[in-house]
Amino acid sequence: MNNPSRPHDDAVVELLREDPAFVDEYLAAALEEADKEGGRLALLAALRQVAEAQGMAEIAERAGIPRESLYRALSPNGNPTMKTLLAVLSAAGLKLGVHRAM
């Protein structure tokens, strides 16, 4: 019997893979909420999903980070350094931006 449901993460990764423009919006929204309760975990999950959509091994290689270390850094218990965060974003073809809070 086929199960029509699938894990949320799998669906998000598929959307991110199919629509690269969605990556920008998705990470911007996660970053916007990062200072709220649970926001840090949501941001790590979003970064992990983006890396999975582009291929975790490829992102790790381009970032110069061992794949296992990247998985740990982006895990719910992860605490990536700024160096790791910037390397992952760069490897994914992204840059961190800043704008004035309203």
Protein backbone atom coordinates (compact mmCIF):
# COMPACT_ATOMS: atom_id res chain seq x y z
CA MET A 1 0.00 0.00 0.00
CA ASN A 2 1.34 3.42 -0.93
CA ASN A 3 1.47 6.04 1.79
CA PRO A 4 0.69 9.43 0.22
CA SER A 5 2.18 11.33 3.16
CA ARG A 6 5.85 12.07 3.65
CA PRO A 7 7.98 13.84 6.23
CA HIS A 8 7.83 17.64 6.19
CA ASP A 9 11.61 17.94 5.80
CA ASP A 10 11.52 15.79 2.66
CA ALA A 11 8.82 17.98 1.12
CA VAL A 12 10.71 21.19 1.94
CA VAL A 13 13.98 19.82 0.54
CA GLU A 14 12.17 18.90 -2.68
CA LEU A 15 10.68 22.41 -2.96
CA LEU A 16 14.09 23.98 -2.35
CA ARG A 17 15.65 21.73 -4.98
CA GLU A 18 12.96 22.54 -7.56
CA ASP A 19 12.81 26.31 -6.98
CA PRO A 20 16.16 27.98 -6.20
CA ALA A 21 14.43 31.36 -5.76
CA PHE A 22 12.49 29.84 -2.88
CA VAL A 23 15.81 29.33 -1.06
CA ASP A 24 16.24 33.10 -0.67
CA GLU A 25 12.75 33.61 0.71
CA TYR A 26 12.92 30.57 2.96
CA LEU A 27 16.22 31.50 4.59
CA ALA A 28 15.24 35.17 4.88
CA ALA A 29 12.08 34.17 6.75
CA ALA A 30 14.04 31.82 9.03
CA LEU A 31 16.64 34.49 9.73
CA GLU A 32 13.91 37.03 10.46
CA GLU A 33 12.55 34.73 13.18
CA ALA A 34 15.94 33.61 14.56
CA ASP A 35 15.74 35.79 17.68
CA LYS A 36 12.32 34.44 18.68
CA GLU A 37 11.66 31.34 20.77
CA GLY A 38 12.60 28.30 18.72
CA GLY A 39 13.93 30.52 15.95
CA ARG A 40 17.53 29.39 16.25
CA LEU A 41 16.50 25.76 15.79
CA ALA A 42 14.30 26.72 12.83
CA LEU A 43 17.21 28.59 11.22
CA LEU A 44 19.52 25.59 11.65
CA ALA A 45 16.83 23.35 10.16
CA ALA A 46 16.40 25.71 7.21
CA LEU A 47 20.16 25.80 6.56
CA ARG A 48 20.30 22.00 6.79
CA GLN A 49 17.40 21.66 4.33
CA VAL A 50 19.09 24.04 1.88
CA ALA A 51 22.32 22.04 2.15
CA GLU A 52 20.41 18.78 1.63
CA ALA A 53 18.62 20.23 -1.39
CA GLN A 54 21.95 21.12 -2.99
CA GLY A 55 23.69 17.96 -1.79
CA MET A 56 25.23 17.84 1.66
CA ALA A 57 28.49 16.32 0.40
CA GLU A 58 28.86 19.01 -2.29
CA ILE A 59 28.14 21.84 0.16
CA ALA A 60 30.62 20.38 2.66
CA GLU A 61 33.30 20.07 0.00
CA ARG A 62 32.78 23.61 -1.33
CA ALA A 63 32.75 24.96 2.23
CA GLY A 64 35.93 23.07 3.14
CA ILE A 65 34.18 21.29 6.01
CA PRO A 66 34.09 17.53 6.59
CA ARG A 67 30.59 16.25 5.80
CA GLU A 68 30.14 14.77 9.27
CA SER A 69 31.10 18.10 10.85
CA LEU A 70 28.57 19.89 8.67
CA TYR A 71 25.82 17.50 9.76
CA ARG A 72 26.77 18.13 13.41
CA ALA A 73 26.93 21.93 12.97
CA LEU A 74 23.47 22.03 11.37
CA SER A 75 21.86 19.54 13.73
CA PRO A 76 19.29 20.64 16.35
CA ASN A 77 22.11 20.56 18.93
CA GLY A 78 24.53 22.32 16.58
CA ASN A 79 26.14 25.63 17.30
CA PRO A 80 28.00 26.58 14.13
CA THR A 81 30.68 29.22 14.31
CA MET A 82 30.37 32.34 12.20
CA LYS A 83 33.13 30.92 9.99
CA THR A 84 31.09 27.76 9.39
CA LEU A 85 27.86 29.69 8.81
CA LEU A 86 29.50 31.97 6.24
CA ALA A 87 31.24 29.03 4.54
CA VAL A 88 27.97 27.10 4.22
CA LEU A 89 26.11 30.12 2.86
CA SER A 90 28.89 30.82 0.36
CA ALA A 91 29.00 27.15 -0.70
CA ALA A 92 25.24 27.36 -1.32
CA GLY A 93 25.75 30.48 -3.45
CA LEU A 94 24.33 32.82 -0.81
CA LYS A 95 25.51 35.80 1.25
CA LEU A 96 24.40 37.03 4.63
CA GLY A 97 22.73 40.43 4.46
CA VAL A 98 21.71 43.08 6.94
CA HIS A 99 18.88 45.59 6.84
CA ARG A 100 17.57 48.15 9.29
CA ALA A 101 14.89 46.86 11.65
CA MET A 102 11.59 48.70 11.36
